[in-house]
Amino acid sequence: MLLVGAALCIALVAVLTGSAHAGLVLEARKLPMKFSWVSCQPNCGGWVSAVGVVTTNTPGDFDEFARGRQLRGTTIVLDSSGGSVNDAIALGRRWRNLGALTTVGTGVQTNTAQEAPAGTAPVVYCESMCVFLLLSGKTRYVSESAHVRVHQIWMGDRANDAKAAVYSADDLMIVERDIGRLAKYTFDMGGTGDLLLLALNVPPWEDLHELSREELRRTNLITTDTIAQPGSSEAAFVELTPKPAPDHVVSSAVAVETNPAVVKSTESVEALGRMGGVSAATATPRR
C-alpha cells in the first residue's frame, strides 16, 4: 500500500482546550479515517471533519457518509498523517467532483448555538498523502499555524526498516507505477511538479519535509489567503485571486490508468508507523 499524508486548518474549527482533548485528537489521527459533520448553525453552514489514516476502506466509508447529504461545495477539514496512495487518489477525485473546499485542522466542536462561534485551532498537521487530499479542493486554504509535511511513498510492509529490507523487481514496478498515478493526479488537481519533487526527495528513513509558505504557494497548495470570519453566514472560504492550473506536459510513463485492478500498493512511512503497520497484501484498491 502506498501512503502519503498531510494536515489541514480552518478558522471555523474549535479551539481544543486541555490535554484530554489534545490526546483524543492525537489518538484519532492514528486510526482509520472517520468522517463527521460539524454543524455550527445558525451562524455558519458547518463542515466535514476528516480525521485519521486513509485505508482501503476510506473511499467507501466516505460514500456511505455522503449518502443523503448535500455536500456539493462543502468544506472538508483534514487532520491526517497519510495513508494509501491509491485510495487517497480515489477519495481526492470524489472530493474534486463535489467541488469541495479543503483546509487543515481539527474537527472537534466545543461551542453550542448559544456560545461564541468556533475559534481557530492553534497548531495543526497534514502529512504525507493528506497533502494530496488537500490538493483536491477546488479552493485550498492553509493557515499560518498549519504544518504541512511530505516524503516519499514506499512499500508499506517494509517501511519500518526501509534500508535493510529486500526488494524485488515487482516491488520496484509497483512503486514506479504508483508514482506515475500520483503525478497524473497532482497535475489533474492543478498542483505543480514542485510538490512531487519536494516529496520524492525525502526517503522514508529521514524526517518529513515541512513546506514553507513560499513552497505552499509554489506547489499550488494554497489558492486563497482569506476565509470568512467565524460566525459569518458566508461560505467558509473567500477566494481572492484563484491560481490557474499550469500547463504541464506529462510523459507516457506517468499517464497511466488511475484505477487498475491490482492488489499491492504502497504506503507512507509516517502513517504506517502511527497505525502500527499495514500489510501491503491487504491494500486492495477500492473502486
C-alpha atoms as a PDB file:
ATOM      1  CA  MET A   1       0.000   0.000   0.000  1.00  0.00           C
ATOM      2  CA  LEU A   2       1.366   3.476  -0.859  1.00  0.00           C
ATOM      3  CA  LEU A   3       0.797   6.238   1.634  1.00  0.00           C
ATOM      4  CA  VAL A   4       1.306   9.945   1.646  1.00  0.00           C
ATOM      5  CA  GLY A   5      -0.280  12.316   4.162  1.00  0.00           C
ATOM      6  CA  ALA A   6      -0.795  15.884   5.392  1.00  0.00           C
ATOM      7  CA  ALA A   7      -2.939  18.146   7.697  1.00  0.00           C
ATOM      8  CA  LEU A   8      -5.494  20.958   7.036  1.00  0.00           C
ATOM      9  CA  CYS A   9      -6.563  24.084   9.026  1.00  0.00           C
ATOM     10  CA  ILE A  10      -9.725  26.247   9.026  1.00  0.00           C
ATOM     11  CA  ALA A  11     -10.888  29.258  11.004  1.00  0.00           C
ATOM     12  CA  LEU A  12     -14.213  27.553  11.631  1.00  0.00           C
ATOM     13  CA  VAL A  13     -12.514  24.909  13.785  1.00  0.00           C
ATOM     14  CA  ALA A  14     -12.978  24.963  17.531  1.00  0.00           C
ATOM     15  CA  VAL A  15     -10.048  25.548  19.855  1.00  0.00           C
ATOM     16  CA  LEU A  16      -9.167  22.408  21.777  1.00  0.00           C
ATOM     17  CA  THR A  17      -8.765  23.160  25.459  1.00  0.00           C
ATOM     18  CA  GLY A  18      -6.881  20.907  27.837  1.00  0.00           C
ATOM     19  CA  SER A  19      -4.604  17.894  27.404  1.00  0.00           C
ATOM     20  CA  ALA A  20      -7.551  15.475  27.349  1.00  0.00           C
ATOM     21  CA  HIS A  21      -8.874  16.988  24.120  1.00  0.00           C
ATOM     22  CA  ALA A  22      -5.389  17.052  22.584  1.00  0.00           C
ATOM     23  CA  GLY A  23      -4.864  13.393  23.488  1.00  0.00           C
ATOM     24  CA  LEU A  24      -8.147  12.385  21.889  1.00  0.00           C
ATOM     25  CA  VAL A  25      -7.284  14.200  18.663  1.00  0.00           C
ATOM     26  CA  LEU A  26      -3.808  12.652  18.503  1.00  0.00           C
ATOM     27  CA  GLU A  27      -5.266   9.205  19.084  1.00  0.00           C
ATOM     28  CA  ALA A  28      -7.863   9.723  16.344  1.00  0.00           C
ATOM     29  CA  ARG A  29      -5.117  10.562  13.840  1.00  0.00           C
ATOM     30  CA  LYS A  30      -3.656   7.055  14.358  1.00  0.00           C
ATOM     31  CA  LEU A  31      -6.908   5.308  13.453  1.00  0.00           C
ATOM     32  CA  PRO A  32      -8.547   4.715  10.060  1.00  0.00           C
ATOM     33  CA  MET A  33     -10.127   7.900   8.708  1.00  0.00           C
ATOM     34  CA  LYS A  34     -13.535   8.836  10.072  1.00  0.00           C
ATOM     35  CA  PHE A  35     -15.936  11.420   8.694  1.00  0.00           C
ATOM     36  CA  SER A  36     -18.318  13.558  10.701  1.00  0.00           C
ATOM     37  CA  TRP A  37     -20.483  16.600  10.095  1.00  0.00           C
ATOM     38  CA  VAL A  38     -19.655  19.579  12.322  1.00  0.00           C
ATOM     39  CA  SER A  39     -22.650  21.904  12.454  1.00  0.00           C
ATOM     40  CA  CYS A  40     -22.316  25.497  13.603  1.00  0.00           C
ATOM     41  CA  GLN A  41     -25.775  26.782  12.738  1.00  0.00           C
ATOM     42  CA  PRO A  42     -27.277  29.311  12.915  1.00  0.00           C
ATOM     43  CA  ASN A  43     -24.051  31.267  12.480  1.00  0.00           C
ATOM     44  CA  CYS A  44     -22.471  29.214   9.691  1.00  0.00           C
ATOM     45  CA  GLY A  45     -23.152  26.247   7.468  1.00  0.00           C
ATOM     46  CA  GLY A  46     -20.856  23.652   9.042  1.00  0.00           C
ATOM     47  CA  TRP A  47     -18.195  21.452   7.509  1.00  0.00           C
ATOM     48  CA  VAL A  48     -16.982  17.863   7.123  1.00  0.00           C
ATOM     49  CA  SER A  49     -14.293  16.664   9.523  1.00  0.00           C
ATOM     50  CA  ALA A  50     -11.960  14.021   8.036  1.00  0.00           C
ATOM     51  CA  VAL A  51      -9.656  12.626  10.729  1.00  0.00           C
ATOM     52  CA  GLY A  52      -7.272   9.687  10.529  1.00  0.00           C
ATOM     53  CA  VAL A  53      -5.334   7.497   8.123  1.00  0.00           C
ATOM     54  CA  VAL A  54      -6.596   6.679   4.602  1.00  0.00           C
ATOM     55  CA  THR A  55      -7.097   2.920   4.233  1.00  0.00           C
ATOM     56  CA  THR A  56      -8.556   0.688   1.541  1.00  0.00           C
ATOM     57  CA  ASN A  57     -11.999   1.202   3.139  1.00  0.00           C
ATOM     58  CA  THR A  58     -11.880   5.000   3.259  1.00  0.00           C
ATOM     59  CA  PRO A  59     -13.405   5.868  -0.169  1.00  0.00           C
ATOM     60  CA  GLY A  60     -16.328   3.545   0.539  1.00  0.00           C
ATOM     61  CA  ASP A  61     -16.707   4.953   4.048  1.00  0.00           C
ATOM     62  CA  PHE A  62     -16.948   8.447   2.576  1.00  0.00           C
ATOM     63  CA  ASP A  63     -19.563   7.313   0.060  1.00  0.00           C
ATOM     64  CA  GLU A  64     -21.608   5.916   2.937  1.00  0.00           C
ATOM     65  CA  PHE A  65     -21.177   9.126   4.941  1.00  0.00           C
ATOM     66  CA  ALA A  66     -22.195  11.261   1.948  1.00  0.00           C
ATOM     67  CA  ARG A  67     -25.361   9.283   1.215  1.00  0.00           C
ATOM     68  CA  GLY A  68     -28.381  11.506   1.831  1.00  0.00           C
ATOM     69  CA  ARG A  69     -26.263  14.617   2.487  1.00  0.00           C
ATOM     70  CA  GLN A  70     -25.942  17.659   0.255  1.00  0.00           C
ATOM     71  CA  LEU A  71     -22.154  18.016   0.196  1.00  0.00           C
ATOM     72  CA  ARG A  72     -21.611  19.874  -3.062  1.00  0.00           C
ATOM     73  CA  GLY A  73     -19.323  22.832  -2.433  1.00  0.00           C
ATOM     74  CA  THR A  74     -18.823  21.863   1.208  1.00  0.00           C
ATOM     75  CA  THR A  75     -15.657  22.492   3.225  1.00  0.00           C
ATOM     76  CA  ILE A  76     -13.595  19.454   4.241  1.00  0.00           C
ATOM     77  CA  VAL A  77     -11.267  19.871   7.209  1.00  0.00           C
ATOM     78  CA  LEU A  78      -8.359  17.408   7.259  1.00  0.00           C
ATOM     79  CA  ASP A  79      -6.370  16.080  10.197  1.00  0.00           C
ATOM     80  CA  SER A  80      -4.338  13.143   8.905  1.00  0.00           C
ATOM     81  CA  SER A  81      -0.914  11.517   8.868  1.00  0.00           C
ATOM     82  CA  GLY A  82      -1.430   9.998   5.431  1.00  0.00           C
ATOM     83  CA  GLY A  83      -2.482   6.620   4.129  1.00  0.00           C
ATOM     84  CA  SER A  84      -2.876   4.528   0.998  1.00  0.00           C
ATOM     85  CA  VAL A  85      -1.796   6.356  -2.139  1.00  0.00           C
ATOM     86  CA  ASN A  86      -4.285   4.734  -4.491  1.00  0.00           C
ATOM     87  CA  ASP A  87      -7.201   5.108  -2.074  1.00  0.00           C
ATOM     88  CA  ALA A  88      -6.284   8.727  -1.303  1.00  0.00           C
ATOM     89  CA  ILE A  89      -6.260   9.425  -5.043  1.00  0.00           C
ATOM     90  CA  ALA A  90      -9.711   7.851  -5.404  1.00  0.00           C
ATOM     91  CA  LEU A  91     -11.011   9.879  -2.442  1.00  0.00           C
ATOM     92  CA  GLY A  92      -9.471  13.106  -3.727  1.00  0.00           C
ATOM     93  CA  ARG A  93     -11.168  12.691  -7.087  1.00  0.00           C
ATOM     94  CA  ARG A  94     -14.522  12.246  -5.319  1.00  0.00           C
ATOM     95  CA  TRP A  95     -13.943  15.497  -3.437  1.00  0.00           C
ATOM     96  CA  ARG A  96     -12.997  17.391  -6.591  1.00  0.00           C
ATOM     97  CA  ASN A  97     -16.166  16.136  -8.295  1.00  0.00           C
ATOM     98  CA  LEU A  98     -18.128  17.614  -5.376  1.00  0.00           C
ATOM     99  CA  GLY A  99     -16.410  20.982  -5.824  1.00  0.00           C
ATOM    100  CA  ALA A 100     -15.234  20.736  -2.212  1.00  0.00           C
ATOM    101  CA  LEU A 101     -13.133  23.337  -0.420  1.00  0.00           C
ATOM    102  CA  THR A 102     -10.242  21.930   1.618  1.00  0.00           C
ATOM    103  CA  THR A 103      -8.241  23.085   4.603  1.00  0.00           C
ATOM    104  CA  VAL A 104      -6.248  21.643   7.525  1.00  0.00           C
ATOM    105  CA  GLY A 105      -7.446  21.464  11.100  1.00  0.00           C
ATOM    106  CA  THR A 106      -9.278  19.623  13.843  1.00  0.00           C
ATOM    107  CA  GLY A 107     -12.958  18.820  13.620  1.00  0.00           C
ATOM    108  CA  VAL A 108     -13.813  18.933  17.319  1.00  0.00           C
ATOM    109  CA  GLN A 109     -16.502  21.453  18.133  1.00  0.00           C
ATOM    110  CA  THR A 110     -16.648  22.898  21.635  1.00  0.00           C
ATOM    111  CA  ASN A 111     -19.340  25.529  21.168  1.00  0.00           C
ATOM    112  CA  THR A 112     -23.118  25.300  21.121  1.00  0.00           C
ATOM    113  CA  ALA A 113     -25.624  27.520  19.364  1.00  0.00           C
ATOM    114  CA  GLN A 114     -25.748  29.727  22.453  1.00  0.00           C
ATOM    115  CA  GLU A 115     -21.996  30.081  22.791  1.00  0.00           C
ATOM    116  CA  ALA A 116     -19.452  32.079  20.856  1.00  0.00           C
ATOM    117  CA  PRO A 117     -18.545  30.909  17.348  1.00  0.00           C
ATOM    118  CA  ALA A 118     -15.852  28.305  16.998  1.00  0.00           C
ATOM    119  CA  GLY A 119     -12.295  29.574  17.071  1.00  0.00           C
ATOM    120  CA  THR A 120      -9.083  28.586  15.321  1.00  0.00           C
ATOM    121  CA  ALA A 121      -7.017  25.555  16.285  1.00  0.00           C
ATOM    122  CA  PRO A 122      -3.541  26.881  17.181  1.00  0.00           C
ATOM    123  CA  VAL A 123      -1.324  24.093  15.772  1.00  0.00           C
ATOM    124  CA  VAL A 124      -2.397  21.525  13.177  1.00  0.00           C
ATOM    125  CA  TYR A 125      -0.706  18.935  10.953  1.00  0.00           C
ATOM    126  CA  CYS A 126      -1.238  17.445   7.475  1.00  0.00           C
ATOM    127  CA  GLU A 127       1.313  14.859   6.457  1.00  0.00           C
ATOM    128  CA  SER A 128       2.141  12.556   3.550  1.00  0.00           C
ATOM    129  CA  MET A 129      -0.951  11.607   1.438  1.00  0.00           C
ATOM    130  CA  CYS A 130      -3.019  14.122   3.376  1.00  0.00           C
ATOM    131  CA  VAL A 131      -1.196  16.821   1.390  1.00  0.00           C
ATOM    132  CA  PHE A 132      -2.573  15.374  -1.841  1.00  0.00           C
ATOM    133  CA  LEU A 133      -6.074  15.247  -0.345  1.00  0.00           C
ATOM    134  CA  LEU A 134      -5.669  18.937   0.443  1.00  0.00           C
ATOM    135  CA  LEU A 135      -4.779  19.435  -3.223  1.00  0.00           C
ATOM    136  CA  SER A 136      -8.175  18.001  -4.266  1.00  0.00           C
ATOM    137  CA  GLY A 137     -10.046  21.074  -3.043  1.00  0.00           C
ATOM    138  CA  LYS A 138     -11.390  23.464  -5.655  1.00  0.00           C
ATOM    139  CA  THR A 139     -10.274  26.157  -3.215  1.00  0.00           C
ATOM    140  CA  ARG A 140      -7.471  25.475  -0.718  1.00  0.00           C
ATOM    141  CA  TYR A 141      -6.519  27.368   2.424  1.00  0.00           C
ATOM    142  CA  VAL A 142      -3.591  26.695   4.764  1.00  0.00           C
ATOM    143  CA  SER A 143      -3.289  28.768   7.925  1.00  0.00           C
ATOM    144  CA  GLU A 144      -0.004  30.165   9.217  1.00  0.00           C
ATOM    145  CA  SER A 145      -0.143  27.698  12.122  1.00  0.00           C
ATOM    146  CA  ALA A 146      -0.570  24.592   9.969  1.00  0.00           C
ATOM    147  CA  HIS A 147       2.306  22.148   9.459  1.00  0.00           C
ATOM    148  CA  VAL A 148       2.172  20.531   6.007  1.00  0.00           C
ATOM    149  CA  ARG A 149       4.827  17.834   5.570  1.00  0.00           C
ATOM    150  CA  VAL A 150       5.810  15.456   2.771  1.00  0.00           C
ATOM    151  CA  HIS A 151       8.072  12.493   1.997  1.00  0.00           C
ATOM    152  CA  GLN A 152       8.428   9.581  -0.429  1.00  0.00           C
ATOM    153  CA  ILE A 153       5.897   6.835  -0.902  1.00  0.00           C
ATOM    154  CA  TRP A 154       7.119   3.344  -0.027  1.00  0.00           C
ATOM    155  CA  MET A 155       6.172  -0.316   0.275  1.00  0.00           C
ATOM    156  CA  GLY A 156       4.002  -0.424   3.381  1.00  0.00           C
ATOM    157  CA  ASP A 157       5.163  -3.801   4.665  1.00  0.00           C
ATOM    158  CA  ARG A 158       8.833  -2.700   4.623  1.00  0.00           C
ATOM    159  CA  ALA A 159       8.583   0.910   5.707  1.00  0.00           C
ATOM    160  CA  ASN A 160       9.685   0.380   9.311  1.00  0.00           C
ATOM    161  CA  ASP A 161      13.217  -0.585   8.218  1.00  0.00           C
ATOM    162  CA  ALA A 162      13.323   0.545   4.611  1.00  0.00           C
ATOM    163  CA  LYS A 163      17.121   0.450   4.237  1.00  0.00           C
ATOM    164  CA  ALA A 164      17.506  -3.122   5.460  1.00  0.00           C
ATOM    165  CA  ALA A 165      14.535  -4.533   3.555  1.00  0.00           C
ATOM    166  CA  VAL A 166      14.862  -6.639   0.404  1.00  0.00           C
ATOM    167  CA  TYR A 167      13.055  -5.567  -2.766  1.00  0.00           C
ATOM    168  CA  SER A 168      12.133  -7.442  -5.936  1.00  0.00           C
ATOM    169  CA  ALA A 169      11.651  -6.223  -9.491  1.00  0.00           C
ATOM    170  CA  ASP A 170       7.901  -6.432  -8.889  1.00  0.00           C
ATOM    171  CA  ASP A 171       8.264  -4.135  -5.879  1.00  0.00           C
ATOM    172  CA  LEU A 172      10.133  -1.566  -7.968  1.00  0.00           C
ATOM    173  CA  MET A 173       7.416  -1.782 -10.612  1.00  0.00           C
ATOM    174  CA  ILE A 174       4.704  -1.130  -8.005  1.00  0.00           C
ATOM    175  CA  VAL A 175       6.477   1.943  -6.614  1.00  0.00           C
ATOM    176  CA  GLU A 176       7.113   3.418 -10.059  1.00  0.00           C
ATOM    177  CA  ARG A 177       3.541   2.678 -11.140  1.00  0.00           C
ATOM    178  CA  ASP A 178       2.096   4.452  -8.115  1.00  0.00           C
ATOM    179  CA  ILE A 179       4.429   7.428  -8.573  1.00  0.00           C
ATOM    180  CA  GLY A 180       3.011   7.708 -12.092  1.00  0.00           C
ATOM    181  CA  ARG A 181      -0.546   7.663 -10.778  1.00  0.00           C
ATOM    182  CA  LEU A 182       0.324  10.255  -8.171  1.00  0.00           C
ATOM    183  CA  ALA A 183       1.947  12.503 -10.783  1.00  0.00           C
ATOM    184  CA  LYS A 184      -1.092  12.371 -13.052  1.00  0.00           C
ATOM    185  CA  TYR A 185      -3.414  13.088 -10.119  1.00  0.00           C
ATOM    186  CA  THR A 186      -1.235  16.011  -8.988  1.00  0.00           C
ATOM    187  CA  PHE A 187      -1.422  17.682 -12.396  1.00  0.00           C
ATOM    188  CA  ASP A 188      -5.136  16.903 -12.769  1.00  0.00           C
ATOM    189  CA  MET A 189      -5.780  18.696  -9.454  1.00  0.00           C
ATOM    190  CA  GLY A 190      -3.804  21.783 -10.520  1.00  0.00           C
ATOM    191  CA  GLY A 191      -0.686  21.024  -8.486  1.00  0.00           C
ATOM    192  CA  THR A 192       2.825  21.555  -9.792  1.00  0.00           C
ATOM    193  CA  GLY A 193       5.822  19.322 -10.333  1.00  0.00           C
ATOM    194  CA  ASP A 194       7.473  21.085  -7.388  1.00  0.00           C
ATOM    195  CA  LEU A 195       5.194  19.197  -4.997  1.00  0.00           C
ATOM    196  CA  LEU A 196       6.289  15.844  -6.411  1.00  0.00           C
ATOM    197  CA  LEU A 197       9.928  16.931  -6.409  1.00  0.00           C
ATOM    198  CA  LEU A 198       9.810  18.002  -2.768  1.00  0.00           C
ATOM    199  CA  ALA A 199       8.073  14.802  -1.666  1.00  0.00           C
ATOM    200  CA  LEU A 200      10.121  12.344  -3.701  1.00  0.00           C
ATOM    201  CA  ASN A 201      13.408  13.832  -2.468  1.00  0.00           C
ATOM    202  CA  VAL A 202      12.755  12.692   1.124  1.00  0.00           C
ATOM    203  CA  PRO A 203      13.417   8.964   1.801  1.00  0.00           C
ATOM    204  CA  PRO A 204      11.400   7.139   4.475  1.00  0.00           C
ATOM    205  CA  TRP A 205      14.329   6.975   6.910  1.00  0.00           C
ATOM    206  CA  GLU A 206      14.581  10.787   7.080  1.00  0.00           C
ATOM    207  CA  ASP A 207      12.302  13.313   8.795  1.00  0.00           C
ATOM    208  CA  LEU A 208       9.407  14.618   6.730  1.00  0.00           C
ATOM    209  CA  HIS A 209       9.997  17.895   4.926  1.00  0.00           C
ATOM    210  CA  GLU A 210       7.790  20.734   6.156  1.00  0.00           C
ATOM    211  CA  LEU A 211       6.662  23.028   3.368  1.00  0.00           C
ATOM    212  CA  SER A 212       7.392  26.722   3.818  1.00  0.00           C
ATOM    213  CA  ARG A 213       4.805  29.363   2.921  1.00  0.00           C
ATOM    214  CA  GLU A 214       6.689  30.003  -0.298  1.00  0.00           C
ATOM    215  CA  GLU A 215       6.693  26.283  -1.130  1.00  0.00           C
ATOM    216  CA  LEU A 216       2.968  26.027  -0.356  1.00  0.00           C
ATOM    217  CA  ARG A 217       2.349  28.721  -2.951  1.00  0.00           C
ATOM    218  CA  ARG A 218       4.816  27.336  -5.483  1.00  0.00           C
ATOM    219  CA  THR A 219       3.176  23.907  -5.315  1.00  0.00           C
ATOM    220  CA  ASN A 220      -0.312  25.470  -5.647  1.00  0.00           C
ATOM    221  CA  LEU A 221      -1.466  24.006  -2.326  1.00  0.00           C
ATOM    222  CA  ILE A 222      -2.698  27.494  -1.392  1.00  0.00           C
ATOM    223  CA  THR A 223      -5.234  29.189  -3.656  1.00  0.00           C
ATOM    224  CA  THR A 224      -6.588  31.769  -1.199  1.00  0.00           C
ATOM    225  CA  ASP A 225      -5.293  33.770   1.758  1.00  0.00           C
ATOM    226  CA  THR A 226      -8.670  34.605   3.268  1.00  0.00           C
ATOM    227  CA  ILE A 227     -11.507  32.711   4.896  1.00  0.00           C
ATOM    228  CA  ALA A 228     -14.793  34.014   6.213  1.00  0.00           C
ATOM    229  CA  GLN A 229     -14.693  35.059   9.839  1.00  0.00           C
ATOM    230  CA  PRO A 230     -16.156  32.643  12.410  1.00  0.00           C
ATOM    231  CA  GLY A 231     -19.854  33.313  12.719  1.00  0.00           C
ATOM    232  CA  SER A 232     -20.195  34.550   9.156  1.00  0.00           C
ATOM    233  CA  SER A 233     -23.111  33.253   7.127  1.00  0.00           C
ATOM    234  CA  GLU A 234     -20.901  33.299   4.037  1.00  0.00           C
ATOM    235  CA  ALA A 235     -19.026  30.313   2.651  1.00  0.00           C
ATOM    236  CA  ALA A 236     -16.043  29.075   4.605  1.00  0.00           C
ATOM    237  CA  PHE A 237     -13.642  30.498   2.038  1.00  0.00           C
ATOM    238  CA  VAL A 238     -13.465  33.901   0.406  1.00  0.00           C
ATOM    239  CA  GLU A 239     -11.331  33.309  -2.660  1.00  0.00           C
ATOM    240  CA  LEU A 240      -9.101  36.198  -3.669  1.00  0.00           C
ATOM    241  CA  THR A 241      -7.244  35.523  -6.911  1.00  0.00           C
ATOM    242  CA  PRO A 242      -7.592  31.881  -7.919  1.00  0.00           C
ATOM    243  CA  LYS A 243      -4.418  30.436  -9.396  1.00  0.00           C
ATOM    244  CA  PRO A 244      -4.989  28.843 -12.792  1.00  0.00           C
ATOM    245  CA  ALA A 245      -3.771  25.296 -13.191  1.00  0.00           C
ATOM    246  CA  PRO A 246      -0.416  25.488 -15.002  1.00  0.00           C
ATOM    247  CA  ASP A 247       0.101  23.754 -18.312  1.00  0.00           C
ATOM    248  CA  HIS A 248       2.093  20.583 -17.801  1.00  0.00           C
ATOM    249  CA  VAL A 249       3.455  18.045 -20.228  1.00  0.00           C
ATOM    250  CA  VAL A 250       3.147  14.574 -18.728  1.00  0.00           C
ATOM    251  CA  SER A 251       5.147  11.783 -20.324  1.00  0.00           C
ATOM    252  CA  SER A 252       3.520   8.498 -21.261  1.00  0.00           C
ATOM    253  CA  ALA A 253       5.401   6.910 -18.375  1.00  0.00           C
ATOM    254  CA  VAL A 254       3.124   8.648 -15.869  1.00  0.00           C
ATOM    255  CA  ALA A 255      -0.065   8.946 -17.905  1.00  0.00           C
ATOM    256  CA  VAL A 256      -1.411   5.667 -16.594  1.00  0.00           C
ATOM    257  CA  GLU A 257      -4.805   4.289 -15.572  1.00  0.00           C
ATOM    258  CA  THR A 258      -5.765   5.637 -12.160  1.00  0.00           C
ATOM    259  CA  ASN A 259      -7.904   2.705 -11.048  1.00  0.00           C
ATOM    260  CA  PRO A 260      -6.382  -0.547 -12.345  1.00  0.00           C
ATOM    261  CA  ALA A 261      -7.324  -3.802 -10.660  1.00  0.00           C
ATOM    262  CA  VAL A 262      -4.210  -4.557  -8.616  1.00  0.00           C
ATOM    263  CA  VAL A 263      -3.725  -5.750  -5.079  1.00  0.00           C
ATOM    264  CA  LYS A 264      -0.315  -4.485  -3.934  1.00  0.00           C
ATOM    265  CA  SER A 265       0.337  -0.819  -3.391  1.00  0.00           C
ATOM    266  CA  THR A 266       2.487   1.431  -1.237  1.00  0.00           C
ATOM    267  CA  GLU A 267       2.140   3.485   1.947  1.00  0.00           C
ATOM    268  CA  SER A 268       3.615   6.453   3.731  1.00  0.00           C
ATOM    269  CA  VAL A 269       6.033   5.639   6.488  1.00  0.00           C
ATOM    270  CA  GLU A 270       4.626   8.252   8.861  1.00  0.00           C
ATOM    271  CA  ALA A 271       1.070   6.949   8.733  1.00  0.00           C
ATOM    272  CA  LEU A 272       2.230   3.354   8.756  1.00  0.00           C
ATOM    273  CA  GLY A 273       4.209   3.824  11.948  1.00  0.00           C
ATOM    274  CA  ARG A 274       1.312   5.525  13.703  1.00  0.00           C
ATOM    275  CA  MET A 275      -1.059   2.709  12.781  1.00  0.00           C
ATOM    276  CA  GLY A 276       1.400   0.037  13.842  1.00  0.00           C
ATOM    277  CA  GLY A 277       1.881  -1.332  10.319  1.00  0.00           C
ATOM    278  CA  VAL A 278      -0.414  -2.198   7.438  1.00  0.00           C
ATOM    279  CA  SER A 279       0.212  -5.220   5.268  1.00  0.00           C
ATOM    280  CA  ALA A 280       0.593  -4.395   1.591  1.00  0.00           C
ATOM    281  CA  ALA A 281      -1.142  -7.652   0.755  1.00  0.00           C
ATOM    282  CA  THR A 282      -4.354  -6.309   2.286  1.00  0.00           C
ATOM    283  CA  ALA A 283      -4.218  -2.984   0.458  1.00  0.00           C
ATOM    284  CA  THR A 284      -6.661  -3.816  -2.298  1.00  0.00           C
ATOM    285  CA  PRO A 285      -7.633  -0.550  -4.042  1.00  0.00           C
ATOM    286  CA  ARG A 286     -11.319   0.232  -3.628  1.00  0.00           C
ATOM    287  CA  ARG A 287     -13.347   1.020  -6.719  1.00  0.00           C
END
